[in-house]
């Protein structure tokens, strides 16, 4: 048995406790490659930390726990009963057995096992009772065992019942000493050797019992098993042989058949230094194994954070492109085509502004005529067309952003599952349509407020009043979209040319510099309101990401906790 230096526990216990908290709070919510294995490793880490490392660090002088494990039919319970000298663990007649694990200890050691010091998720019971709805560990006191040693009879490691297999592995992870029991017929089976290799890699103290061996075959089988143990790095593991023999009426082996194993265990229990060496070896091995296992979890955590960042980046990129699309639509002349172009031509063609310049009576006359006919003035037609064009542009970009983000999420790790859980994200929300209608209306108010603010002095006020605040505001909206317009061909002559007339009109009212400033402010106001509307749509996606149980710093804090454990050792 390899003896290693004792871990320095003064700073180590709080460091390992912090590491356990970090492992417990680490989440792997996105279905990435390797996540099932990483999550399984995380659960195993938690079990070993809770079941063995932390309780052992907190009480180095607690009794040594030897977990008796092995394959189905290897005779574990019979061996435990034979070592104790009474039936404390009922052997299973039918396979697989589904009984609770049985922990046998000396009465003087009761205080170490009655509370949940080790294996805290297993309820304690005695006398064959159990706790409904919870895994239960039977506690049996026996003076046949010396103080300082406890035996735990575990379920079969190769049970056909998954719960039994998982419990067996959990119990072996809580052992100071793994007392592995096999038979002449099954000592080369694959499942036990997988666990033996794991025990070797983690430095767990192991003793092997070769049970039910025909006496004539003992030398050959023992030598073969010893060579196999050596190949797996377990050449120094004590090896005990129990010959095939008849059982007594209670189903126990004769004392002489287990005398060598019983003497070794008794000597181990009575020798505090020997016990400390076994504990030290297993504890040090368990602590050594934390490094690469934690690193695997750190890597998996980092991949989770990277996946979330990529999903968030897709959202931000899509909605930034939508804002840019609105801004482009406001300046490339597209809003001056179609219905707006026709209404602008109609508006200018009627000469409404110019008639208003000639006579206020003409302006009143037009309103009266329009009222009699029940029709809006040409400026109202233009205003409505502009409103519709702006709203349609914003709606189209908003829907495009939702579609683009959804398409990106389907191509990114973790995104498809989020979309399946939130199918409404693939389209704009019902509130968005109402928000766009409201923002265009509110933007008109912004434009009219600009007109009023720029027309405060007497002379300008008179000019604005002559044309009407609403009409001037409508022309300002149009000029905002035509200021850097990209109209071509006939549109330049019709829309662009007449827009220049509107610009000249505004310049005559407010001045060249004021018109440029007003157009820039109007554009900025529309973009600000559009950004606010898109913000609500963007938050539908980011809100879903925020609901994902994932800390952005979990990889960093987990790595830092592992580094603190290394430093404390």
Protein backbone atom coordinates (compact mmCIF):
# COMPACT_ATOMS: atom_id res chain seq x y z
CA UNK A 1 0.00 0.00 0.00
CA UNK A 2 1.39 3.37 -1.03
CA UNK A 3 1.62 5.83 1.82
CA UNK A 4 1.18 9.50 0.98
CA UNK A 5 1.49 12.66 3.00
CA UNK A 6 -1.53 13.75 4.98
CA UNK A 7 -3.55 16.59 3.47
CA UNK A 8 -3.35 19.91 5.33
CA UNK A 9 -6.90 20.20 6.58
CA UNK A 10 -6.81 23.56 8.36
CA UNK A 11 -7.42 25.55 5.20
CA UNK A 12 -8.45 22.61 3.07
CA UNK A 13 -11.90 21.97 4.55
CA UNK A 14 -13.28 25.48 3.88
CA UNK A 15 -11.68 25.45 0.42
CA UNK A 16 -13.29 22.12 -0.47
CA UNK A 17 -16.60 23.33 0.99
CA UNK A 18 -16.50 26.34 -1.33
CA UNK A 19 -15.63 24.08 -4.24
CA UNK A 20 -18.61 21.89 -3.42
CA UNK A 21 -20.88 24.95 -3.45
CA UNK A 22 -19.54 25.93 -6.87
CA UNK A 23 -20.06 22.44 -8.27
CA UNK A 24 -23.56 22.41 -6.81
CA UNK A 25 -24.47 25.73 -8.42
CA UNK A 26 -22.95 24.90 -11.81
CA UNK A 27 -25.60 24.42 -14.47
CA UNK A 28 -25.38 22.94 -17.98
CA UNK A 29 -28.76 23.88 -19.46
CA UNK A 30 -27.88 23.89 -23.17
CA UNK A 31 -27.88 20.56 -24.98
CA UNK A 32 -24.31 20.69 -26.25
CA UNK A 33 -22.08 17.77 -27.29
CA UNK A 34 -20.65 16.13 -24.18
CA UNK A 35 -23.21 17.61 -21.79
CA UNK A 36 -24.69 14.24 -20.66
CA UNK A 37 -21.22 13.02 -19.69
CA UNK A 38 -20.35 16.34 -18.05
CA UNK A 39 -23.60 16.37 -16.06
CA UNK A 40 -23.02 12.77 -14.98
CA UNK A 41 -19.52 13.74 -13.87
CA UNK A 42 -20.91 16.73 -11.97
CA UNK A 43 -23.33 14.51 -10.07
CA UNK A 44 -20.56 12.05 -9.26
CA UNK A 45 -18.41 14.90 -7.99
CA UNK A 46 -21.20 16.11 -5.73
CA UNK A 47 -21.76 12.63 -4.38
CA UNK A 48 -18.11 12.04 -3.59
CA UNK A 49 -17.72 15.47 -2.03
CA UNK A 50 -20.86 15.04 0.10
CA UNK A 51 -20.52 11.33 0.84
CA UNK A 52 -16.80 11.06 1.49
CA UNK A 53 -14.36 13.95 1.04
CA UNK A 54 -16.09 16.61 3.16
CA UNK A 55 -17.18 14.29 6.00
CA UNK A 56 -13.76 12.66 6.09
CA UNK A 57 -11.95 16.01 6.14
CA UNK A 58 -14.24 17.14 8.94
CA UNK A 59 -13.56 14.02 11.04
CA UNK A 60 -10.27 12.30 10.27
CA UNK A 61 -10.60 10.23 13.43
CA UNK A 62 -13.95 8.70 12.47
CA UNK A 63 -14.09 4.90 12.07
CA UNK A 64 -12.73 3.45 8.86
CA UNK A 65 -15.57 2.53 6.49
CA UNK A 66 -15.02 -0.61 4.41
CA UNK A 67 -17.64 -1.00 1.67
CA UNK A 68 -18.17 -4.59 0.58
CA UNK A 69 -18.94 -4.53 -3.13
CA UNK A 70 -19.01 -6.97 -5.98
CA UNK A 71 -20.96 -8.70 -8.71
CA UNK A 72 -24.28 -10.47 -8.44
CA UNK A 73 -23.94 -13.77 -6.60
CA UNK A 74 -20.41 -13.11 -5.36
CA UNK A 75 -21.42 -13.80 -1.76
CA UNK A 76 -21.05 -10.32 -0.27
CA UNK A 77 -23.80 -10.68 2.35
CA UNK A 78 -22.65 -14.17 3.29
CA UNK A 79 -19.15 -12.83 3.78
CA UNK A 80 -20.36 -9.92 5.96
CA UNK A 81 -22.49 -12.25 8.09
CA UNK A 82 -19.55 -14.62 8.45
CA UNK A 83 -17.18 -11.84 9.53
CA UNK A 84 -19.70 -10.51 12.08
CA UNK A 85 -20.70 -13.99 13.29
CA UNK A 86 -24.45 -13.42 12.92
CA UNK A 87 -26.99 -12.76 10.20
CA UNK A 88 -27.00 -8.99 9.89
CA UNK A 89 -27.46 -8.81 6.14
CA UNK A 90 -29.92 -11.20 4.52
CA UNK A 91 -28.42 -12.89 1.45
CA UNK A 92 -30.65 -12.63 -1.63
CA UNK A 93 -32.16 -15.86 -2.89
CA UNK A 94 -33.55 -14.21 -6.04
CA UNK A 95 -31.41 -12.02 -8.26
CA UNK A 96 -31.22 -9.09 -8.35
CA UNK A 97 -31.72 -8.28 -4.71
CA UNK A 98 -33.42 -4.95 -3.98
CA UNK A 99 -32.75 -4.66 -0.28
CA UNK A 100 -31.31 -1.60 1.43
CA UNK A 101 -27.57 -1.42 2.04
CA UNK A 102 -26.56 -2.59 5.52
CA UNK A 103 -23.94 -0.80 7.63
CA UNK A 104 -22.55 -2.77 10.59
CA UNK A 105 -20.61 -0.95 13.31
CA UNK A 106 -19.52 -1.37 16.93
CA UNK A 107 -21.95 0.13 19.50
CA UNK A 108 -19.26 2.58 20.62
CA UNK A 109 -19.20 4.05 17.09
CA UNK A 110 -22.91 4.74 16.86
CA UNK A 111 -22.42 8.52 17.00
CA UNK A 112 -20.48 8.46 13.76
CA UNK A 113 -23.25 6.86 11.72
CA UNK A 114 -26.61 7.73 13.27
CA UNK A 115 -26.48 11.33 11.98
CA UNK A 116 -26.05 11.92 8.27
CA UNK A 117 -22.29 12.47 8.51
CA UNK A 118 -21.66 10.28 5.48
CA UNK A 119 -24.10 9.48 2.69
CA UNK A 120 -26.45 12.29 3.79
CA UNK A 121 -29.12 11.52 1.20
CA UNK A 122 -29.70 8.03 2.61
CA UNK A 123 -32.23 7.79 5.41
CA UNK A 124 -31.20 5.81 8.50
CA UNK A 125 -33.21 2.82 9.69
CA UNK A 126 -32.80 -0.17 11.98
CA UNK A 127 -34.52 -3.47 12.61
CA UNK A 128 -35.43 -3.94 8.95
CA UNK A 129 -37.61 -0.82 8.78
CA UNK A 130 -37.38 1.69 5.95
CA UNK A 131 -38.30 5.29 5.20
CA UNK A 132 -41.07 5.51 2.61
CA UNK A 133 -40.12 7.29 -0.60
CA UNK A 134 -36.42 7.57 0.29
CA UNK A 135 -33.37 5.39 -0.13
CA UNK A 136 -32.63 3.81 3.24
CA UNK A 137 -29.47 2.48 4.89
CA UNK A 138 -29.94 -0.15 7.58
CA UNK A 139 -27.79 0.45 10.67
CA UNK A 140 -26.80 -2.65 12.67
CA UNK A 141 -24.73 -2.58 15.86
CA UNK A 142 -22.46 -5.56 16.59
CA UNK A 143 -19.83 -6.06 19.24
CA UNK A 144 -18.22 -8.67 16.99
CA UNK A 145 -16.68 -5.81 15.03
CA UNK A 146 -13.91 -3.90 16.78
CA UNK A 147 -14.38 -0.16 17.33
CA UNK A 148 -12.88 1.93 14.57
CA UNK A 149 -14.14 -0.26 11.71
CA UNK A 150 -17.51 -0.41 9.96
CA UNK A 151 -18.65 -2.74 7.17
CA UNK A 152 -21.17 -1.62 4.56
CA UNK A 153 -22.80 -4.32 2.45
CA UNK A 154 -23.61 -2.69 -0.92
CA UNK A 155 -25.98 -3.76 -3.72
CA UNK A 156 -24.62 -5.58 -6.76
CA UNK A 157 -22.45 -3.44 -9.01
CA UNK A 158 -23.84 -5.22 -12.11
CA UNK A 159 -27.47 -5.40 -11.01
CA UNK A 160 -30.06 -5.35 -13.79
CA UNK A 161 -31.82 -2.68 -11.73
CA UNK A 162 -30.34 0.72 -12.59
CA UNK A 163 -31.07 2.15 -9.13
CA UNK A 164 -29.10 -0.68 -7.50
CA UNK A 165 -26.11 -0.11 -9.77
CA UNK A 166 -26.11 3.63 -9.12
CA UNK A 167 -26.41 3.11 -5.37
CA UNK A 168 -23.56 0.60 -5.40
CA UNK A 169 -21.29 3.10 -7.16
CA UNK A 170 -22.32 5.82 -4.75
CA UNK A 171 -21.49 3.65 -1.75
CA UNK A 172 -18.12 2.66 -3.18
CA UNK A 173 -17.38 6.37 -3.63
CA UNK A 174 -17.96 6.84 0.12
CA UNK A 175 -15.53 4.10 1.13
CA UNK A 176 -12.21 4.51 2.90
CA UNK A 177 -11.53 0.95 1.84
CA UNK A 178 -13.17 -0.95 -0.97
CA UNK A 179 -13.47 -4.62 -0.05
CA UNK A 180 -14.08 -6.07 -3.52
CA UNK A 181 -15.62 -9.55 -3.57
CA UNK A 182 -15.50 -11.77 -6.66
CA UNK A 183 -15.63 -15.48 -7.43
CA UNK A 184 -13.58 -18.03 -9.32
CA UNK A 185 -16.20 -17.96 -12.06
CA UNK A 186 -16.53 -14.18 -12.39
CA UNK A 187 -13.25 -12.54 -11.42
CA UNK A 188 -12.50 -11.58 -15.03
CA UNK A 189 -15.88 -9.94 -15.74
CA UNK A 190 -15.71 -6.50 -17.40
CA UNK A 191 -17.94 -4.48 -15.04
CA UNK A 192 -15.90 -5.09 -11.85
CA UNK A 193 -12.67 -4.26 -13.63
CA UNK A 194 -14.06 -0.98 -14.84
CA UNK A 195 -14.64 0.01 -11.22
CA UNK A 196 -11.30 -1.41 -10.13
CA UNK A 197 -9.53 0.71 -12.75
CA UNK A 198 -11.41 3.75 -11.49
CA UNK A 199 -10.38 2.92 -7.92
CA UNK A 200 -6.76 2.59 -9.05
CA UNK A 201 -6.86 5.91 -10.91
CA UNK A 202 -8.31 7.68 -7.90
CA UNK A 203 -5.95 6.10 -5.39
CA UNK A 204 -8.70 4.35 -3.43
CA UNK A 205 -7.49 1.74 -0.98
CA UNK A 206 -8.64 -1.68 -2.22
CA UNK A 207 -8.58 -5.19 -0.78
CA UNK A 208 -9.81 -8.13 -2.87
CA UNK A 209 -11.62 -11.25 -1.70
CA UNK A 210 -11.59 -14.17 -4.14
CA UNK A 211 -14.60 -16.14 -2.93
CA UNK A 212 -15.96 -19.63 -3.64
CA UNK A 213 -12.77 -21.02 -5.13
CA UNK A 214 -12.39 -24.79 -5.51
CA UNK A 215 -9.51 -25.72 -3.23
CA UNK A 216 -7.59 -27.47 -5.96
CA UNK A 217 -7.76 -24.37 -8.18
CA UNK A 218 -6.79 -21.80 -5.58
CA UNK A 219 -3.08 -21.42 -6.59
CA UNK A 220 -3.79 -21.02 -10.33
CA UNK A 221 -6.75 -18.67 -10.01
CA UNK A 222 -5.12 -16.64 -7.26
CA UNK A 223 -1.96 -16.13 -9.33
CA UNK A 224 -3.96 -15.13 -12.40
CA UNK A 225 -6.05 -12.64 -10.43
CA UNK A 226 -2.92 -11.21 -8.80
CA UNK A 227 -1.35 -10.62 -12.20
CA UNK A 228 -4.50 -8.87 -13.42
CA UNK A 229 -4.48 -6.63 -10.36
CA UNK A 230 -0.85 -5.76 -10.99
CA UNK A 231 -1.64 -4.78 -14.59
CA UNK A 232 -4.25 -2.34 -13.31
CA UNK A 233 -1.92 -0.71 -10.81
CA UNK A 234 -3.34 -2.64 -7.86
CA UNK A 235 -0.44 -5.01 -7.34
CA UNK A 236 -0.09 -4.00 -3.67
CA UNK A 237 -3.79 -4.57 -2.87
CA UNK A 238 -4.23 -7.30 -0.22
CA UNK A 239 -5.73 -10.47 -1.79
CA UNK A 240 -7.70 -12.94 0.34
CA UNK A 241 -8.94 -16.33 -0.82
CA UNK A 242 -12.05 -18.08 0.52
CA UNK A 243 -12.45 -21.69 -0.56
CA UNK A 244 -15.71 -23.19 -1.75
CA UNK A 245 -17.26 -24.86 1.32
CA UNK A 246 -20.54 -25.74 2.95
CA UNK A 247 -22.36 -23.09 4.93
CA UNK A 248 -23.64 -23.56 8.45
CA UNK A 249 -27.42 -23.67 9.12
CA UNK A 250 -27.53 -19.84 9.32
CA UNK A 251 -25.89 -19.52 5.94
CA UNK A 252 -22.50 -18.43 7.27
CA UNK A 253 -19.03 -19.61 6.35
CA UNK A 254 -17.00 -21.45 8.93
CA UNK A 255 -14.81 -19.11 11.00
CA UNK A 256 -11.61 -20.70 9.72
CA UNK A 257 -12.55 -19.90 6.13
CA UNK A 258 -12.57 -16.17 6.84
CA UNK A 259 -9.99 -16.18 9.63
CA UNK A 260 -7.24 -14.51 7.61
CA UNK A 261 -9.52 -11.71 6.35
CA UNK A 262 -11.07 -11.28 9.80
CA UNK A 263 -7.66 -10.99 11.45
CA UNK A 264 -6.51 -8.43 8.91
CA UNK A 265 -9.58 -6.29 9.44
CA UNK A 266 -9.30 -6.54 13.23
CA UNK A 267 -5.66 -5.55 13.15
CA UNK A 268 -6.50 -2.63 10.91
CA UNK A 269 -9.27 -1.49 13.26
CA UNK A 270 -7.05 -1.72 16.36
CA UNK A 271 -4.05 0.06 14.82
CA UNK A 272 -4.79 3.78 14.66
CA UNK A 273 -1.73 4.41 12.51
CA UNK A 274 -2.68 1.72 10.02
CA UNK A 275 -6.19 3.08 9.80
CA UNK A 276 -4.82 6.58 9.27
CA UNK A 277 -2.63 5.33 6.42
CA UNK A 278 -5.63 3.78 4.65
CA UNK A 279 -7.72 6.92 5.17
CA UNK A 280 -4.83 9.10 4.04
CA UNK A 281 -4.31 7.09 0.87
CA UNK A 282 -7.97 7.15 -0.16
CA UNK A 283 -8.55 10.77 0.83
CA UNK A 284 -5.42 11.97 -0.96
CA UNK A 285 -6.39 9.97 -4.02
CA UNK A 286 -9.88 11.45 -3.98
CA UNK A 287 -8.48 14.97 -3.69
CA UNK A 288 -5.99 14.29 -6.49
CA UNK A 289 -8.84 13.15 -8.73
CA UNK A 290 -10.69 16.44 -8.30
CA UNK A 291 -8.34 18.40 -10.56
CA UNK A 292 -9.01 16.78 -13.95
CA UNK A 293 -12.68 16.18 -13.13
CA UNK A 294 -13.21 19.82 -12.17
CA UNK A 295 -11.35 20.92 -15.30
CA UNK A 296 -13.75 18.91 -17.41
CA UNK A 297 -16.65 20.66 -15.69
CA UNK A 298 -14.97 24.05 -16.16
CA UNK A 299 -14.62 23.35 -19.88
CA UNK A 300 -18.27 22.29 -20.12
CA UNK A 301 -19.32 25.41 -18.21
CA UNK A 302 -17.29 27.61 -20.50
CA UNK A 303 -18.97 26.03 -23.52
CA UNK A 304 -22.36 26.78 -21.97
CA UNK A 305 -21.49 30.44 -21.45
CA UNK A 306 -20.09 30.64 -24.97
CA UNK A 307 -23.34 29.19 -26.34
CA UNK A 308 -25.41 31.72 -24.44
CA UNK A 309 -23.17 34.56 -25.63
CA UNK A 310 -23.60 33.41 -29.24
CA UNK A 311 -27.39 33.34 -28.85
CA UNK A 312 -27.39 36.82 -27.32
CA UNK A 313 -25.07 38.11 -30.04
CA UNK A 314 -27.50 36.81 -32.68
CA UNK A 315 -30.30 38.80 -31.04
CA UNK A 316 -28.29 42.00 -30.79
CA UNK A 317 -27.03 41.67 -34.37
CA UNK A 318 -30.50 41.10 -35.83
CA UNK A 319 -32.06 44.07 -34.10
CA UNK A 320 -29.09 46.33 -34.80
CA UNK A 321 -29.54 45.42 -38.45
CA UNK A 322 -33.26 46.23 -38.14
CA UNK A 323 -32.45 49.70 -36.78
CA UNK A 324 -29.96 50.19 -39.61
CA UNK A 325 -32.64 49.04 -42.04
CA UNK A 326 -35.07 51.65 -40.77
CA UNK A 327 -32.39 54.32 -40.98
CA UNK A 328 -31.55 53.28 -44.53
CA UNK A 329 -35.22 53.28 -45.46
CA UNK A 330 -35.51 56.81 -44.14
CA UNK A 331 -32.64 58.07 -46.28
CA UNK A 332 -32.63 56.03 -49.50
CA UNK A 333 -35.78 57.55 -50.90
CA UNK A 334 -37.88 54.38 -50.60
CA UNK A 335 -40.43 56.17 -48.42
CA UNK A 336 -41.00 58.72 -51.20
CA UNK A 337 -42.19 56.14 -53.69
CA UNK A 338 -45.60 54.65 -54.29
CA UNK A 339 -48.47 56.21 -52.37
CA UNK A 340 -46.32 58.96 -50.85
CA UNK A 341 -45.06 59.96 -54.28
CA UNK A 342 -48.60 60.15 -55.66
CA UNK A 343 -49.86 62.16 -52.70
CA UNK A 344 -46.88 64.52 -52.84
CA UNK A 345 -47.49 65.15 -56.53
CA UNK A 346 -51.15 65.72 -55.81
CA UNK A 347 -50.26 68.01 -52.93
CA UNK A 348 -47.84 70.15 -54.92
CA UNK A 349 -49.91 69.96 -58.06
CA UNK A 350 -52.89 71.57 -56.36
CA UNK A 351 -50.67 74.50 -55.53
CA UNK A 352 -52.06 74.43 -52.00
CA UNK A 353 -49.02 75.92 -50.36
CA UNK A 354 -48.60 78.54 -52.98
CA UNK A 355 -52.26 79.53 -52.90
CA UNK A 356 -51.91 79.79 -49.13
CA UNK A 357 -49.03 82.11 -49.63
CA UNK A 358 -51.16 84.35 -51.87
CA UNK A 359 -54.20 84.43 -49.67
CA UNK A 360 -55.31 83.19 -46.29
CA UNK A 361 -58.83 83.22 -47.69
CA UNK A 362 -57.80 80.55 -50.20
CA UNK A 363 -56.62 78.33 -47.35
CA UNK A 364 -59.92 78.73 -45.54
CA UNK A 365 -61.77 78.15 -48.80
CA UNK A 366 -59.99 74.84 -49.38
CA UNK A 367 -60.85 73.66 -45.89
CA UNK A 368 -64.48 74.65 -46.29
CA UNK A 369 -64.74 72.91 -49.68
CA UNK A 370 -63.12 69.80 -48.26
CA UNK A 371 -65.50 69.83 -45.32
CA UNK A 372 -68.53 70.16 -47.62
CA UNK A 373 -67.29 67.22 -49.74
CA UNK A 374 -66.40 65.23 -46.62
CA UNK A 375 -62.85 64.74 -47.85
CA UNK A 376 -59.50 65.55 -46.23
CA UNK A 377 -57.22 68.18 -47.69
CA UNK A 378 -54.36 67.05 -49.94
CA UNK A 379 -51.92 67.66 -47.08
CA UNK A 380 -53.90 65.20 -44.95
CA UNK A 381 -53.64 62.61 -47.74
CA UNK A 382 -49.88 63.10 -47.82
CA UNK A 383 -49.65 62.93 -44.05
CA UNK A 384 -51.56 59.66 -43.99
CA UNK A 385 -49.40 58.18 -46.74
CA UNK A 386 -46.24 59.16 -44.88
CA UNK A 387 -47.58 57.63 -41.67
CA UNK A 388 -48.45 54.39 -43.44
CA UNK A 389 -45.08 54.23 -45.19
CA UNK A 390 -43.09 54.78 -41.99
CA UNK A 391 -45.18 52.27 -40.04
CA UNK A 392 -44.83 49.65 -42.76
CA UNK A 393 -41.07 50.13 -42.89
CA UNK A 394 -40.70 49.66 -39.12
CA UNK A 395 -43.05 46.66 -39.04
CA UNK A 396 -41.19 44.98 -41.89
CA UNK A 397 -37.82 45.46 -40.20
CA UNK A 398 -39.22 44.24 -36.87
CA UNK A 399 -40.62 41.08 -38.44
CA UNK A 400 -37.38 40.57 -40.33
CA UNK A 401 -35.41 40.81 -37.08
CA UNK A 402 -37.63 38.18 -35.42
CA UNK A 403 -37.23 35.84 -38.40
CA UNK A 404 -33.47 36.42 -38.63
CA UNK A 405 -32.97 35.80 -34.91
CA UNK A 406 -35.07 32.64 -35.02
CA UNK A 407 -33.13 31.34 -38.01
CA UNK A 408 -29.84 32.07 -36.25
CA UNK A 409 -30.99 30.38 -33.04
CA UNK A 410 -31.94 27.22 -34.91
CA UNK A 411 -28.40 27.04 -36.25
CA UNK A 412 -26.80 27.69 -32.83
CA UNK A 413 -26.31 25.29 -29.95
CA UNK A 414 -29.22 25.43 -27.53
CA UNK A 415 -31.33 27.73 -29.69
CA UNK A 416 -33.74 25.17 -31.13
CA UNK A 417 -34.81 24.00 -27.69
CA UNK A 418 -35.55 27.58 -26.63
CA UNK A 419 -37.63 28.19 -29.76
CA UNK A 420 -39.57 24.98 -29.18
CA UNK A 421 -40.37 26.18 -25.69
CA UNK A 422 -41.25 29.68 -26.94
CA UNK A 423 -42.69 29.33 -30.49
CA UNK A 424 -44.10 32.88 -30.37
CA UNK A 425 -40.55 34.23 -30.78
CA UNK A 426 -40.59 33.38 -34.48
CA UNK A 427 -42.84 36.38 -35.18
CA UNK A 428 -43.37 39.85 -33.77
CA UNK A 429 -45.54 40.18 -30.70
CA UNK A 430 -49.14 41.44 -30.93
CA UNK A 431 -48.05 44.44 -28.91
CA UNK A 432 -45.50 45.41 -31.56
CA UNK A 433 -48.12 46.39 -34.15
CA UNK A 434 -49.82 48.66 -31.63
CA UNK A 435 -46.47 50.05 -30.53
CA UNK A 436 -45.58 50.98 -34.12
CA UNK A 437 -48.90 52.77 -34.65
CA UNK A 438 -48.35 54.68 -31.42
CA UNK A 439 -44.73 55.57 -32.14
CA UNK A 440 -45.53 57.00 -35.60
CA UNK A 441 -48.29 59.10 -34.05
CA UNK A 442 -45.99 60.23 -31.27
CA UNK A 443 -43.27 61.02 -33.80
CA UNK A 444 -45.69 63.31 -35.62
CA UNK A 445 -46.08 65.10 -32.28
CA UNK A 446 -42.29 65.39 -32.09
CA UNK A 447 -42.19 66.97 -35.54
CA UNK A 448 -44.99 69.41 -34.78
CA UNK A 449 -43.21 70.37 -31.57
CA UNK A 450 -40.07 71.08 -33.61
CA UNK A 451 -42.11 73.32 -35.91
CA UNK A 452 -43.62 75.20 -32.97
CA UNK A 453 -40.27 75.60 -31.22
CA UNK A 454 -38.56 76.95 -34.35
CA UNK A 455 -41.49 79.29 -35.07
CA UNK A 456 -41.51 81.19 -31.79
CA UNK A 457 -40.46 84.59 -33.06
CA UNK A 458 -43.10 86.90 -34.53
CA UNK A 459 -42.08 86.76 -38.12
CA UNK A 460 -41.69 83.00 -38.25
CA UNK A 461 -44.90 82.45 -36.30
CA UNK A 462 -46.81 84.42 -38.89
CA UNK A 463 -45.39 82.33 -41.72
CA UNK A 464 -46.12 79.04 -39.95
CA UNK A 465 -49.63 80.19 -39.17
CA UNK A 466 -50.16 81.12 -42.79
CA UNK A 467 -49.46 77.57 -43.94
CA UNK A 468 -50.73 75.74 -40.88
CA UNK A 469 -48.59 73.87 -38.31
CA UNK A 470 -49.78 70.44 -39.46
CA UNK A 471 -49.04 71.14 -43.12
CA UNK A 472 -45.59 72.50 -42.32
CA UNK A 473 -44.97 69.47 -40.11
CA UNK A 474 -45.99 67.14 -42.96
CA UNK A 475 -43.56 68.84 -45.32
CA UNK A 476 -40.82 68.60 -42.67
CA UNK A 477 -41.42 64.85 -42.39
CA UNK A 478 -41.15 64.50 -46.15
CA UNK A 479 -38.06 66.68 -46.34
CA UNK A 480 -36.52 64.52 -43.57
CA UNK A 481 -36.83 61.49 -45.84
CA UNK A 482 -35.72 63.38 -48.97
CA UNK A 483 -32.74 65.14 -47.42
CA UNK A 484 -30.34 62.36 -48.32
CA UNK A 485 -32.71 60.57 -50.70
CA UNK A 486 -31.60 58.16 -53.36
CA UNK A 487 -34.33 58.76 -55.93
CA UNK A 488 -33.49 58.09 -59.56
CA UNK A 489 -34.92 58.59 -63.03
CA UNK A 490 -38.39 60.03 -63.29
CA UNK A 491 -38.72 60.02 -59.49
CA UNK A 492 -36.08 62.73 -59.27
CA UNK A 493 -38.05 64.94 -61.52
CA UNK A 494 -41.35 64.31 -59.82
CA UNK A 495 -40.72 63.54 -56.16
CA UNK A 496 -37.20 64.81 -55.77
CA UNK A 497 -37.80 68.00 -57.60
CA UNK A 498 -40.98 68.84 -55.77
CA UNK A 499 -39.38 67.84 -52.48
CA UNK A 500 -36.79 70.49 -53.17
CA UNK A 501 -39.65 72.94 -53.43
CA UNK A 502 -40.83 71.86 -50.00
CA UNK A 503 -37.32 72.26 -48.66
CA UNK A 504 -37.09 75.73 -50.17
CA UNK A 505 -40.40 76.58 -48.58
CA UNK A 506 -39.17 75.49 -45.15
CA UNK A 507 -35.95 77.40 -45.67
CA UNK A 508 -38.01 80.51 -46.52
CA UNK A 509 -39.86 80.07 -43.21
CA UNK A 510 -37.05 78.96 -40.89
CA UNK A 511 -33.76 79.48 -42.70
CA UNK A 512 -31.31 76.98 -44.23
CA UNK A 513 -29.47 76.03 -41.02
CA UNK A 514 -32.70 75.62 -39.06
CA UNK A 515 -34.15 73.25 -41.68
CA UNK A 516 -31.05 71.05 -41.61
CA UNK A 517 -31.17 70.97 -37.81
CA UNK A 518 -34.91 70.23 -37.74
CA UNK A 519 -34.56 67.42 -40.29
CA UNK A 520 -31.71 65.86 -38.29
CA UNK A 521 -33.69 66.11 -35.04
CA UNK A 522 -36.79 64.64 -36.67
CA UNK A 523 -34.78 61.71 -37.99
CA UNK A 524 -33.12 61.15 -34.61
CA UNK A 525 -36.47 61.28 -32.84
CA UNK A 526 -37.91 58.62 -35.15
CA UNK A 527 -34.88 56.38 -34.72
CA UNK A 528 -35.05 56.76 -30.93
CA UNK A 529 -38.71 55.78 -30.87
CA UNK A 530 -38.03 52.88 -33.24
CA UNK A 531 -35.19 51.70 -31.02
CA UNK A 532 -37.55 51.77 -28.04
CA UNK A 533 -40.11 49.67 -29.93
CA UNK A 534 -37.42 47.21 -31.07
CA UNK A 535 -36.08 47.09 -27.53
CA UNK A 536 -39.32 45.52 -26.37
CA UNK A 537 -39.13 42.94 -29.17
CA UNK A 538 -35.45 42.26 -28.47
CA UNK A 539 -36.20 41.73 -24.80
CA UNK A 540 -38.53 38.86 -25.68
CA UNK A 541 -35.44 36.95 -26.80
CA UNK A 542 -33.05 38.23 -24.14
CA UNK A 543 -35.70 37.59 -21.49
CA UNK A 544 -35.78 33.94 -22.52
CA UNK A 545 -31.99 33.83 -22.24
CA UNK A 546 -32.15 35.49 -18.82
CA UNK A 547 -34.50 32.72 -17.66
CA UNK A 548 -31.87 30.08 -18.50
CA UNK A 549 -30.33 28.88 -15.24
CA UNK A 550 -26.75 29.75 -16.08
CA UNK A 551 -24.28 32.04 -14.34
CA UNK A 552 -22.07 33.95 -16.75
CA UNK A 553 -19.09 33.62 -14.39
CA UNK A 554 -19.56 29.99 -13.36
CA UNK A 555 -16.56 28.66 -15.30
CA UNK A 556 -14.31 31.33 -13.75
CA UNK A 557 -15.55 30.87 -10.17
CA UNK A 558 -15.40 27.09 -10.47
CA UNK A 559 -11.82 27.27 -11.69
CA UNK A 560 -10.94 29.70 -8.89
CA UNK A 561 -12.43 27.36 -6.28
CA UNK A 562 -10.40 24.45 -7.65
CA UNK A 563 -7.25 26.59 -7.54
CA UNK A 564 -7.99 27.45 -3.90
CA UNK A 565 -8.18 23.74 -3.06
CA UNK A 566 -4.81 23.13 -4.72
CA UNK A 567 -3.30 26.03 -2.81
CA UNK A 568 -4.71 24.77 0.51
CA UNK A 569 -3.14 21.37 0.02
